[in-house]
C-alpha atoms as a PDB file:
ATOM      1  CA  MET A   1    -206.474  53.247 -63.133  1.00  0.00           C
ATOM      2  CA  THR A   2    -205.644  49.922 -61.527  1.00  0.00           C
ATOM      3  CA  LEU A   3    -202.166  51.206 -60.658  1.00  0.00           C
ATOM      4  CA  ILE A   4    -203.580  54.430 -59.192  1.00  0.00           C
ATOM      5  CA  ALA A   5    -206.085  52.526 -57.050  1.00  0.00           C
ATOM      6  CA  GLU A   6    -203.364  50.165 -55.826  1.00  0.00           C
ATOM      7  CA  TYR A   7    -201.113  53.122 -54.998  1.00  0.00           C
ATOM      8  CA  TYR A   8    -203.610  54.825 -52.699  1.00  0.00           C
ATOM      9  CA  ARG A   9    -204.865  51.767 -50.846  1.00  0.00           C
ATOM     10  CA  THR A  10    -201.414  50.334 -50.139  1.00  0.00           C
ATOM     11  CA  VAL A  11    -199.656  50.284 -46.793  1.00  0.00           C
ATOM     12  CA  TRP A  12    -196.093  51.210 -47.698  1.00  0.00           C
ATOM     13  CA  ALA A  13    -192.874  49.964 -46.129  1.00  0.00           C
ATOM     14  CA  LEU A  14    -190.949  52.357 -48.341  1.00  0.00           C
ATOM     15  CA  ASP A  15    -188.375  55.109 -48.073  1.00  0.00           C
ATOM     16  CA  PRO A  16    -190.386  58.388 -48.140  1.00  0.00           C
ATOM     17  CA  THR A  17    -188.118  59.990 -50.749  1.00  0.00           C
ATOM     18  CA  THR A  18    -188.950  57.258 -53.240  1.00  0.00           C
ATOM     19  CA  PHE A  19    -192.639  57.542 -52.361  1.00  0.00           C
ATOM     20  CA  HIS A  20    -192.623  61.263 -53.143  1.00  0.00           C
ATOM     21  CA  ALA A  21    -190.964  60.615 -56.519  1.00  0.00           C
ATOM     22  CA  MET A  22    -193.631  58.018 -57.313  1.00  0.00           C
ATOM     23  CA  ASP A  23    -196.312  60.423 -56.110  1.00  0.00           C
ATOM     24  CA  MET A  24    -195.234  63.024 -58.663  1.00  0.00           C
ATOM     25  CA  VAL A  25    -195.711  60.525 -61.486  1.00  0.00           C
ATOM     26  CA  ILE A  26    -199.039  59.208 -60.162  1.00  0.00           C
ATOM     27  CA  THR A  27    -200.352  62.772 -59.714  1.00  0.00           C
ATOM     28  CA  ARG A  28    -199.393  63.591 -63.293  1.00  0.00           C
ATOM     29  CA  TRP A  29    -201.193  60.487 -64.564  1.00  0.00           C
ATOM     30  CA  ALA A  30    -204.279  61.228 -62.460  1.00  0.00           C
ATOM     31  CA  SER A  31    -204.469  64.746 -63.915  1.00  0.00           C
ATOM     32  CA  GLY A  32    -204.593  63.297 -67.429  1.00  0.00           C
ATOM     33  CA  THR A  33    -201.125  64.450 -68.448  1.00  0.00           C
ATOM     34  CA  ARG A  34    -199.377  61.923 -70.665  1.00  0.00           C
ATOM     35  CA  LEU A  35    -195.874  62.008 -72.056  1.00  0.00           C
ATOM     36  CA  SER A  36    -195.183  61.180 -75.672  1.00  0.00           C
ATOM     37  CA  PRO A  37    -193.038  58.128 -76.470  1.00  0.00           C
ATOM     38  CA  GLU A  38    -190.176  60.518 -77.200  1.00  0.00           C
ATOM     39  CA  GLU A  39    -190.573  62.282 -73.841  1.00  0.00           C
ATOM     40  CA  ILE A  40    -190.722  58.947 -72.011  1.00  0.00           C
ATOM     41  CA  GLN A  41    -187.552  57.800 -73.724  1.00  0.00           C
ATOM     42  CA  ALA A  42    -185.818  61.075 -72.841  1.00  0.00           C
ATOM     43  CA  ALA A  43    -186.870  60.744 -69.184  1.00  0.00           C
ATOM     44  CA  VAL A  44    -186.064  57.052 -68.825  1.00  0.00           C
ATOM     45  CA  GLY A  45    -182.989  56.979 -71.022  1.00  0.00           C
ATOM     46  CA  GLY A  46    -180.956  53.832 -70.621  1.00  0.00           C
ATOM     47  CA  ALA A  47    -182.188  53.099 -67.079  1.00  0.00           C
ATOM     48  CA  PRO A  48    -184.061  49.860 -67.925  1.00  0.00           C
ATOM     49  CA  GLN A  49    -181.065  48.436 -69.767  1.00  0.00           C
ATOM     50  CA  ALA A  50    -178.694  49.607 -67.034  1.00  0.00           C
ATOM     51  CA  ALA A  51    -180.869  47.851 -64.431  1.00  0.00           C
ATOM     52  CA  ALA A  52    -180.907  44.647 -66.492  1.00  0.00           C
ATOM     53  CA  ASP A  53    -177.139  44.829 -66.970  1.00  0.00           C
ATOM     54  CA  ARG A  54    -176.592  45.314 -63.245  1.00  0.00           C
ATOM     55  CA  ARG A  55    -178.712  42.280 -62.392  1.00  0.00           C
ATOM     56  CA  ALA A  56    -176.824  40.170 -64.905  1.00  0.00           C
ATOM     57  CA  ALA A  57    -173.450  41.373 -63.608  1.00  0.00           C
ATOM     58  CA  ALA A  58    -174.428  40.647 -60.000  1.00  0.00           C
ATOM     59  CA  GLN A  59    -175.582  37.132 -60.838  1.00  0.00           C
ATOM     60  CA  ALA A  60    -172.396  36.491 -62.820  1.00  0.00           C
ATOM     61  CA  SER A  61    -170.212  37.684 -59.930  1.00  0.00           C
ATOM     62  CA  GLY A  62    -170.911  34.550 -57.906  1.00  0.00           C
ATOM     63  CA  GLY A  63    -168.560  31.610 -57.903  1.00  0.00           C
ATOM     64  CA  GLY A  64    -167.116  28.866 -55.763  1.00  0.00           C
ATOM     65  CA  GLY A  65    -170.591  27.582 -54.966  1.00  0.00           C
ATOM     66  CA  VAL A  66    -171.829  31.071 -54.019  1.00  0.00           C
ATOM     67  CA  ALA A  67    -174.906  32.342 -55.882  1.00  0.00           C
ATOM     68  CA  VAL A  68    -175.832  36.039 -55.963  1.00  0.00           C
ATOM     69  CA  LEU A  69    -179.534  36.944 -55.998  1.00  0.00           C
ATOM     70  CA  PRO A  70    -180.204  40.623 -56.903  1.00  0.00           C
ATOM     71  CA  VAL A  71    -182.941  42.456 -54.957  1.00  0.00           C
ATOM     72  CA  TYR A  72    -183.099  45.893 -56.571  1.00  0.00           C
ATOM     73  CA  GLY A  73    -185.597  48.734 -56.802  1.00  0.00           C
ATOM     74  CA  VAL A  74    -189.138  49.031 -55.448  1.00  0.00           C
ATOM     75  CA  LEU A  75    -190.495  45.764 -54.045  1.00  0.00           C
ATOM     76  CA  THR A  76    -193.916  44.757 -55.336  1.00  0.00           C
ATOM     77  CA  PRO A  77    -196.000  41.624 -54.637  1.00  0.00           C
ATOM     78  CA  ARG A  78    -196.618  41.123 -58.353  1.00  0.00           C
ATOM     79  CA  ALA A  79    -194.290  40.688 -61.302  1.00  0.00           C
ATOM     80  CA  TYR A  80    -195.155  43.869 -63.172  1.00  0.00           C
ATOM     81  CA  ASN A  81    -193.554  44.454 -66.557  1.00  0.00           C
ATOM     82  CA  ALA A  82    -191.473  47.522 -65.766  1.00  0.00           C
ATOM     83  CA  GLN A  83    -189.434  47.918 -68.935  1.00  0.00           C
ATOM     84  CA  SER A  84    -190.496  51.553 -69.425  1.00  0.00           C
ATOM     85  CA  VAL A  85    -189.740  53.011 -66.010  1.00  0.00           C
ATOM     86  CA  SER A  86    -186.593  54.638 -64.711  1.00  0.00           C
ATOM     87  CA  THR A  87    -186.790  52.975 -61.281  1.00  0.00           C
ATOM     88  CA  SER A  88    -186.468  49.204 -61.350  1.00  0.00           C
ATOM     89  CA  MET A  89    -189.096  47.048 -59.676  1.00  0.00           C
ATOM     90  CA  THR A  90    -188.646  43.610 -58.158  1.00  0.00           C
ATOM     91  CA  SER A  91    -191.374  41.044 -57.610  1.00  0.00           C
ATOM     92  CA  THR A  92    -191.204  39.697 -54.063  1.00  0.00           C
ATOM     93  CA  GLU A  93    -192.907  36.519 -55.283  1.00  0.00           C
ATOM     94  CA  LEU A  94    -190.202  36.010 -57.893  1.00  0.00           C
ATOM     95  CA  VAL A  95    -187.373  36.632 -55.399  1.00  0.00           C
ATOM     96  CA  ALA A  96    -188.858  34.061 -53.022  1.00  0.00           C
ATOM     97  CA  ALA A  97    -189.142  31.504 -55.830  1.00  0.00           C
ATOM     98  CA  GLN A  98    -185.566  32.163 -56.981  1.00  0.00           C
ATOM     99  CA  LEU A  99    -184.255  31.816 -53.430  1.00  0.00           C
ATOM    100  CA  ARG A 100    -186.032  28.487 -52.946  1.00  0.00           C
ATOM    101  CA  ALA A 101    -184.531  27.211 -56.199  1.00  0.00           C
ATOM    102  CA  LEU A 102    -181.016  28.261 -55.184  1.00  0.00           C
ATOM    103  CA  VAL A 103    -181.303  26.671 -51.741  1.00  0.00           C
ATOM    104  CA  ARG A 104    -182.432  23.406 -53.359  1.00  0.00           C
ATOM    105  CA  ASP A 105    -179.666  23.505 -55.981  1.00  0.00           C
ATOM    106  CA  PRO A 106    -176.937  21.007 -54.974  1.00  0.00           C
ATOM    107  CA  GLY A 107    -174.367  23.113 -56.804  1.00  0.00           C
ATOM    108  CA  VAL A 108    -175.019  26.129 -54.563  1.00  0.00           C
ATOM    109  CA  ALA A 109    -173.315  26.179 -51.161  1.00  0.00           C
ATOM    110  CA  ALA A 110    -174.374  29.698 -50.093  1.00  0.00           C
ATOM    111  CA  VAL A 111    -176.629  32.523 -51.301  1.00  0.00           C
ATOM    112  CA  VAL A 112    -175.860  36.239 -51.192  1.00  0.00           C
ATOM    113  CA  MET A 113    -178.958  38.419 -51.534  1.00  0.00           C
ATOM    114  CA  ASP A 114    -177.628  41.652 -53.032  1.00  0.00           C
ATOM    115  CA  PHE A 115    -179.931  44.417 -51.732  1.00  0.00           C
ATOM    116  CA  ASP A 116    -180.260  47.890 -53.207  1.00  0.00           C
ATOM    117  CA  THR A 117    -183.865  48.812 -52.542  1.00  0.00           C
ATOM    118  CA  PRO A 118    -185.969  51.565 -50.939  1.00  0.00           C
ATOM    119  CA  GLY A 119    -188.563  48.983 -49.876  1.00  0.00           C
ATOM    120  CA  GLY A 120    -192.078  48.764 -51.251  1.00  0.00           C
ATOM    121  CA  ASN A 121    -195.498  47.230 -50.653  1.00  0.00           C
ATOM    122  CA  ALA A 122    -195.756  45.958 -47.078  1.00  0.00           C
ATOM    123  CA  GLN A 123    -197.919  42.989 -48.052  1.00  0.00           C
ATOM    124  CA  GLY A 124    -195.465  41.486 -50.510  1.00  0.00           C
ATOM    125  CA  VAL A 125    -192.498  42.136 -48.255  1.00  0.00           C
ATOM    126  CA  ALA A 126    -194.081  40.330 -45.304  1.00  0.00           C
ATOM    127  CA  GLU A 127    -194.424  37.145 -47.368  1.00  0.00           C
ATOM    128  CA  LEU A 128    -190.867  37.450 -48.697  1.00  0.00           C
ATOM    129  CA  ALA A 129    -189.568  37.845 -45.146  1.00  0.00           C
ATOM    130  CA  ASP A 130    -191.342  34.667 -44.088  1.00  0.00           C
ATOM    131  CA  ALA A 131    -189.962  32.802 -47.102  1.00  0.00           C
ATOM    132  CA  ILE A 132    -186.369  33.819 -46.303  1.00  0.00           C
ATOM    133  CA  HIS A 133    -186.689  32.969 -42.634  1.00  0.00           C
ATOM    134  CA  GLY A 134    -188.216  29.587 -43.457  1.00  0.00           C
ATOM    135  CA  LEU A 135    -185.153  28.660 -45.539  1.00  0.00           C
ATOM    136  CA  ARG A 136    -182.598  29.550 -42.885  1.00  0.00           C
ATOM    137  CA  GLY A 137    -180.585  26.644 -41.575  1.00  0.00           C
ATOM    138  CA  GLU A 138    -180.358  24.777 -44.879  1.00  0.00           C
ATOM    139  CA  LYS A 139    -177.571  26.880 -46.410  1.00  0.00           C
ATOM    140  CA  PRO A 140    -176.043  30.235 -45.477  1.00  0.00           C
ATOM    141  CA  ILE A 141    -178.243  33.086 -46.709  1.00  0.00           C
ATOM    142  CA  VAL A 142    -176.401  36.393 -46.409  1.00  0.00           C
ATOM    143  CA  ALA A 143    -177.872  39.840 -47.006  1.00  0.00           C
ATOM    144  CA  MET A 144    -175.493  42.225 -48.763  1.00  0.00           C
ATOM    145  CA  VAL A 145    -176.646  45.841 -48.326  1.00  0.00           C
ATOM    146  CA  ASN A 146    -175.124  47.325 -51.458  1.00  0.00           C
ATOM    147  CA  PRO A 147    -175.604  50.178 -50.735  1.00  0.00           C
ATOM    148  CA  THR A 148    -179.232  50.533 -49.516  1.00  0.00           C
ATOM    149  CA  ALA A 149    -181.778  48.384 -47.694  1.00  0.00           C
ATOM    150  CA  ALA A 150    -184.509  50.762 -46.620  1.00  0.00           C
ATOM    151  CA  SER A 151    -187.802  49.972 -44.946  1.00  0.00           C
ATOM    152  CA  GLY A 152    -189.201  46.840 -46.634  1.00  0.00           C
ATOM    153  CA  GLY A 153    -185.718  46.139 -47.977  1.00  0.00           C
ATOM    154  CA  TYR A 154    -184.358  45.938 -44.444  1.00  0.00           C
ATOM    155  CA  TRP A 155    -187.436  43.966 -43.386  1.00  0.00           C
ATOM    156  CA  ALA A 156    -186.464  41.253 -45.880  1.00  0.00           C
ATOM    157  CA  ALA A 157    -182.708  41.507 -45.243  1.00  0.00           C
ATOM    158  CA  SER A 158    -183.213  41.041 -41.509  1.00  0.00           C
ATOM    159  CA  GLN A 159    -184.393  37.472 -42.106  1.00  0.00           C
ATOM    160  CA  CYS A 160    -181.048  36.341 -43.512  1.00  0.00           C
ATOM    161  CA  ASP A 161    -178.431  34.526 -41.425  1.00  0.00           C
ATOM    162  CA  GLU A 162    -176.104  37.504 -41.625  1.00  0.00           C
ATOM    163  CA  ILE A 163    -176.285  41.131 -42.772  1.00  0.00           C
ATOM    164  CA  VAL A 164    -173.220  42.652 -44.413  1.00  0.00           C
ATOM    165  CA  VAL A 165    -173.250  46.330 -45.370  1.00  0.00           C
ATOM    166  CA  THR A 166    -170.889  47.966 -47.843  1.00  0.00           C
ATOM    167  CA  PRO A 167    -168.668  50.705 -46.291  1.00  0.00           C
ATOM    168  CA  SER A 168    -170.756  53.549 -47.759  1.00  0.00           C
ATOM    169  CA  GLY A 169    -174.058  51.748 -47.291  1.00  0.00           C
ATOM    170  CA  TRP A 170    -177.014  52.492 -45.067  1.00  0.00           C
ATOM    171  CA  LEU A 171    -180.105  50.719 -43.881  1.00  0.00           C
ATOM    172  CA  GLY A 172    -183.155  51.009 -41.669  1.00  0.00           C
ATOM    173  CA  SER A 173    -186.210  53.260 -42.193  1.00  0.00           C
ATOM    174  CA  ILE A 174    -188.270  50.888 -40.035  1.00  0.00           C
ATOM    175  CA  GLY A 175    -191.888  51.969 -40.300  1.00  0.00           C
ATOM    176  CA  ALA A 176    -195.072  51.944 -42.368  1.00  0.00           C
ATOM    177  CA  PHE A 177    -197.449  54.567 -43.759  1.00  0.00           C
ATOM    178  CA  MET A 178    -200.424  55.250 -46.005  1.00  0.00           C
ATOM    179  CA  ALA A 179    -201.262  58.374 -48.014  1.00  0.00           C
ATOM    180  CA  HIS A 180    -204.465  60.260 -48.763  1.00  0.00           C
ATOM    181  CA  ASP A 181    -204.885  63.306 -51.014  1.00  0.00           C
ATOM    182  CA  ASP A 182    -207.804  65.669 -50.376  1.00  0.00           C
ATOM    183  CA  MET A 183    -208.571  66.868 -53.908  1.00  0.00           C
ATOM    184  CA  SER A 184    -211.716  68.822 -53.026  1.00  0.00           C
ATOM    185  CA  ALA A 185    -210.112  72.270 -53.429  1.00  0.00           C
ATOM    186  CA  ALA A 186    -208.617  71.351 -56.799  1.00  0.00           C
ATOM    187  CA  MET A 187    -211.938  69.893 -57.966  1.00  0.00           C
ATOM    188  CA  GLU A 188    -213.799  73.025 -56.861  1.00  0.00           C
ATOM    189  CA  LYS A 189    -211.335  75.171 -58.799  1.00  0.00           C
ATOM    190  CA  GLU A 190    -212.102  73.080 -61.893  1.00  0.00           C
ATOM    191  CA  GLY A 191    -215.833  73.508 -61.340  1.00  0.00           C
ATOM    192  CA  ARG A 192    -216.344  69.886 -60.345  1.00  0.00           C
ATOM    193  CA  LYS A 193    -218.391  68.632 -57.420  1.00  0.00           C
ATOM    194  CA  ARG A 194    -218.542  64.888 -56.932  1.00  0.00           C
ATOM    195  CA  THR A 195    -221.444  63.062 -55.321  1.00  0.00           C
ATOM    196  CA  TYR A 196    -221.293  59.376 -54.368  1.00  0.00           C
ATOM    197  CA  VAL A 197    -224.432  57.258 -54.281  1.00  0.00           C
ATOM    198  CA  TYR A 198    -223.527  54.190 -52.252  1.00  0.00           C
ATOM    199  CA  SER A 199    -224.661  51.412 -49.973  1.00  0.00           C
ATOM    200  CA  GLY A 200    -222.682  50.380 -46.934  1.00  0.00           C
ATOM    201  CA  LYS A 201    -221.566  52.927 -44.344  1.00  0.00           C
ATOM    202  CA  ASN A 202    -217.862  52.802 -45.215  1.00  0.00           C
ATOM    203  CA  LYS A 203    -218.042  51.894 -48.903  1.00  0.00           C
ATOM    204  CA  VAL A 204    -216.493  55.138 -50.217  1.00  0.00           C
ATOM    205  CA  GLU A 205    -214.449  56.167 -47.209  1.00  0.00           C
ATOM    206  CA  GLY A 206    -211.059  57.652 -47.957  1.00  0.00           C
ATOM    207  CA  ASN A 207    -212.104  58.952 -51.382  1.00  0.00           C
ATOM    208  CA  PRO A 208    -210.182  62.023 -52.615  1.00  0.00           C
ATOM    209  CA  ALA A 209    -213.241  64.274 -52.961  1.00  0.00           C
ATOM    210  CA  GLY A 210    -212.920  65.466 -49.373  1.00  0.00           C
ATOM    211  CA  PRO A 211    -210.890  65.282 -46.166  1.00  0.00           C
ATOM    212  CA  LEU A 212    -210.644  62.125 -44.093  1.00  0.00           C
ATOM    213  CA  SER A 213    -213.209  61.752 -41.359  1.00  0.00           C
ATOM    214  CA  ALA A 214    -211.905  61.016 -37.869  1.00  0.00           C
ATOM    215  CA  ASP A 215    -213.312  57.495 -38.109  1.00  0.00           C
ATOM    216  CA  THR A 216    -211.641  56.816 -41.472  1.00  0.00           C
ATOM    217  CA  GLN A 217    -208.325  58.246 -40.314  1.00  0.00           C
ATOM    218  CA  ALA A 218    -208.453  55.972 -37.262  1.00  0.00           C
ATOM    219  CA  TYR A 219    -209.138  52.991 -39.542  1.00  0.00           C
ATOM    220  CA  LEU A 220    -206.192  53.815 -41.828  1.00  0.00           C
ATOM    221  CA  GLN A 221    -203.999  54.378 -38.770  1.00  0.00           C
ATOM    222  CA  ALA A 222    -204.937  50.899 -37.576  1.00  0.00           C
ATOM    223  CA  LEU A 223    -203.888  49.443 -40.939  1.00  0.00           C
ATOM    224  CA  SER A 224    -200.540  51.226 -40.764  1.00  0.00           C
ATOM    225  CA  ASP A 225    -200.058  50.141 -37.145  1.00  0.00           C
ATOM    226  CA  ALA A 226    -200.798  46.525 -38.057  1.00  0.00           C
ATOM    227  CA  SER A 227    -198.146  46.557 -40.795  1.00  0.00           C
ATOM    228  CA  TYR A 228    -195.673  48.219 -38.436  1.00  0.00           C
ATOM    229  CA  ALA A 229    -196.371  45.528 -35.844  1.00  0.00           C
ATOM    230  CA  SER A 230    -195.726  42.781 -38.409  1.00  0.00           C
ATOM    231  CA  PHE A 231    -192.610  44.596 -39.636  1.00  0.00           C
ATOM    232  CA  THR A 232    -191.043  45.004 -36.202  1.00  0.00           C
ATOM    233  CA  LYS A 233    -192.010  41.527 -35.012  1.00  0.00           C
ATOM    234  CA  GLN A 234    -190.415  39.853 -38.031  1.00  0.00           C
ATOM    235  CA  VAL A 235    -187.272  41.997 -37.771  1.00  0.00           C
ATOM    236  CA  ALA A 236    -187.026  41.067 -34.083  1.00  0.00           C
ATOM    237  CA  ARG A 237    -187.393  37.396 -35.022  1.00  0.00           C
ATOM    238  CA  GLY A 238    -184.752  37.630 -37.727  1.00  0.00           C
ATOM    239  CA  ARG A 239    -182.227  39.593 -35.695  1.00  0.00           C
ATOM    240  CA  LYS A 240    -182.999  37.732 -32.444  1.00  0.00           C
ATOM    241  CA  VAL A 241    -183.725  40.863 -30.439  1.00  0.00           C
ATOM    242  CA  SER A 242    -186.819  42.240 -28.743  1.00  0.00           C
ATOM    243  CA  VAL A 243    -189.510  44.208 -30.530  1.00  0.00           C
ATOM    244  CA  GLU A 244    -188.714  47.053 -28.138  1.00  0.00           C
ATOM    245  CA  THR A 245    -185.141  47.097 -29.455  1.00  0.00           C
ATOM    246  CA  VAL A 246    -186.342  47.270 -33.065  1.00  0.00           C
ATOM    247  CA  ARG A 247    -188.607  50.209 -32.182  1.00  0.00           C
ATOM    248  CA  SER A 248    -185.969  52.021 -30.136  1.00  0.00           C
ATOM    249  CA  ALA A 249    -184.164  55.264 -30.943  1.00  0.00           C
ATOM    250  CA  ALA A 250    -180.937  53.285 -31.361  1.00  0.00           C
ATOM    251  CA  TRP A 251    -182.495  51.591 -34.409  1.00  0.00           C
ATOM    252  CA  GLY A 252    -183.597  54.890 -35.938  1.00  0.00           C
ATOM    253  CA  GLU A 253    -187.356  55.039 -35.264  1.00  0.00           C
ATOM    254  CA  GLY A 254    -187.957  55.325 -39.001  1.00  0.00           C
ATOM    255  CA  ARG A 255    -184.598  56.886 -39.876  1.00  0.00           C
ATOM    256  CA  MET A 256    -181.748  55.346 -41.845  1.00  0.00           C
ATOM    257  CA  LEU A 257    -178.429  54.421 -40.207  1.00  0.00           C
ATOM    258  CA  MET A 258    -175.030  54.495 -41.863  1.00  0.00           C
ATOM    259  CA  ALA A 259    -172.911  51.324 -41.961  1.00  0.00           C
ATOM    260  CA  ALA A 260    -170.832  51.811 -38.801  1.00  0.00           C
ATOM    261  CA  ASP A 261    -173.816  52.955 -36.719  1.00  0.00           C
ATOM    262  CA  ALA A 262    -175.939  50.053 -37.995  1.00  0.00           C
ATOM    263  CA  VAL A 263    -173.311  47.501 -36.958  1.00  0.00           C
ATOM    264  CA  ALA A 264    -172.858  49.186 -33.569  1.00  0.00           C
ATOM    265  CA  ALA A 265    -176.619  49.053 -32.964  1.00  0.00           C
ATOM    266  CA  GLY A 266    -176.845  45.377 -33.972  1.00  0.00           C
ATOM    267  CA  MET A 267    -178.856  46.025 -37.111  1.00  0.00           C
ATOM    268  CA  ALA A 268    -176.044  44.546 -39.233  1.00  0.00           C
ATOM    269  CA  ASP A 269    -173.174  42.162 -38.512  1.00  0.00           C
ATOM    270  CA  ARG A 270    -170.197  43.459 -40.460  1.00  0.00           C
ATOM    271  CA  ILE A 271    -168.941  45.988 -42.991  1.00  0.00           C
ATOM    272  CA  ASP A 272    -167.482  44.568 -46.188  1.00  0.00           C
ATOM    273  CA  THR A 273    -167.804  44.528 -49.969  1.00  0.00           C
ATOM    274  CA  LEU A 274    -169.773  42.158 -52.168  1.00  0.00           C
ATOM    275  CA  GLU A 275    -166.574  40.762 -53.661  1.00  0.00           C
ATOM    276  CA  ASN A 276    -165.043  39.990 -50.262  1.00  0.00           C
ATOM    277  CA  THR A 277    -168.293  38.462 -49.045  1.00  0.00           C
ATOM    278  CA  ILE A 278    -168.460  36.114 -52.031  1.00  0.00           C
ATOM    279  CA  SER A 279    -164.830  35.130 -51.468  1.00  0.00           C
ATOM    280  CA  ARG A 280    -165.423  34.481 -47.753  1.00  0.00           C
ATOM    281  CA  LEU A 281    -168.493  32.332 -48.386  1.00  0.00           C
ATOM    282  CA  GLY A 282    -166.587  30.346 -50.998  1.00  0.00           C
ATOM    283  CA  LYS A 283    -164.689  28.714 -48.139  1.00  0.00           C
ATOM    284  CA  PRO A 284    -166.278  26.158 -45.769  1.00  0.00           C
ATOM    285  CA  GLN A 285    -165.157  28.040 -42.662  1.00  0.00           C
ATOM    286  CA  GLY A 286    -166.700  31.238 -44.012  1.00  0.00           C
ATOM    287  CA  ARG A 287    -170.026  29.523 -44.604  1.00  0.00           C
ATOM    288  CA  ARG A 288    -170.007  28.001 -41.138  1.00  0.00           C
ATOM    289  CA  ALA A 289    -169.255  31.387 -39.593  1.00  0.00           C
ATOM    290  CA  ALA A 290    -172.091  33.052 -41.511  1.00  0.00           C
ATOM    291  CA  MET A 291    -174.636  30.503 -40.326  1.00  0.00           C
ATOM    292  CA  SER A 292    -173.372  30.726 -36.750  1.00  0.00           C
ATOM    293  CA  VAL A 293    -173.931  34.490 -36.551  1.00  0.00           C
ATOM    294  CA  SER A 294    -177.645  34.214 -35.826  1.00  0.00           C
ATOM    295  CA  VAL A 295    -177.076  31.357 -33.365  1.00  0.00           C
ATOM    296  CA  ALA A 296    -174.400  33.257 -31.445  1.00  0.00           C
ATOM    297  CA  GLN A 297    -176.507  36.428 -31.410  1.00  0.00           C
ATOM    298  CA  ALA A 298    -179.485  34.493 -30.111  1.00  0.00           C
ATOM    299  CA  ARG A 299    -177.461  33.237 -27.147  1.00  0.00           C
ATOM    300  CA  ILE A 300    -176.210  36.726 -26.320  1.00  0.00           C
ATOM    301  CA  ASP A 301    -179.691  38.216 -26.517  1.00  0.00           C
ATOM    302  CA  ALA A 302    -181.193  35.370 -24.503  1.00  0.00           C
ATOM    303  CA  LEU A 303    -178.914  36.290 -21.628  1.00  0.00           C
ATOM    304  CA  ALA A 304    -179.565  40.011 -21.955  1.00  0.00           C
ATOM    305  CA  LEU A 305    -183.276  40.045 -22.789  1.00  0.00           C
ATOM    306  CA  GLY A 306    -184.699  36.833 -21.415  1.00  0.00           C
ATOM    307  CA  ALA A 307    -188.361  36.326 -22.289  1.00  0.00           C
ATOM    308  CA  ASN A 308    -188.512  39.412 -24.490  1.00  0.00           C
ATOM    309  CA  ILE A 309    -187.021  37.531 -27.475  1.00  0.00           C
ATOM    310  CA  ASP A 310    -189.337  36.849 -30.402  1.00  0.00           C
ATOM    311  CA  ALA A 311    -188.292  33.349 -31.451  1.00  0.00           C
END
């Protein structure tokens, strides 16, 4: 029940396709349908172990002073135990703590954040974005989109010194949303009619026993708009462009962009593989170049955009 409540009151910075897949599971749980241990195992298969193996392989792929920090699956502000799900989850708090430790490690010369995520909870992502941005300038922090950084994933990646996207990768989906299910028709069909006895005008607003009122919809829209404002402002800060640029059609307006289009629009800096990126950052000149990307871009944008830059 805690998970269901969290699901419906969350502002999501998440790829809609992943949200719909999650919605199917949540709806099944809410209806009282439960899978047997055998059915769960059949559905999940070896996904948890495969996710663990991928994280371990990514971390082991570093070398030459370059550390690789995996950022996979749905981003959540809490470190849930997700051993029995087919889609991996990553705690934004844990990623921030791991990044701080790597930046402080004298044996690490550069960090590659290996992103493959549809995004997640807007609240946790906002704090992760601030943590990444606050560490810039100490050591090169490079985002590797490998192959997906959607919504909250791109939000976090945009705070790195440089964004590299694999040739078949894509990124973007800049936006936020909330969801509400009107279950009144289904409840009526079941012979159920719910009555709330409450104190406080808005105490039970947004409940699923009826449609949203105009006032409640406006309130939820304001919450979504506030997250979108934070999202676009932090992306603008990280990429050293204006908020208007981040919200423009060239940056997708909520759509994903393929690698070449993302680089052309300025959403990413180069197309390359994880292996080549690690090799490049293993050399002093490669690390200097990575850290200079944001500085050089800031100078270009300062000339083109003037006071519209979000510093």
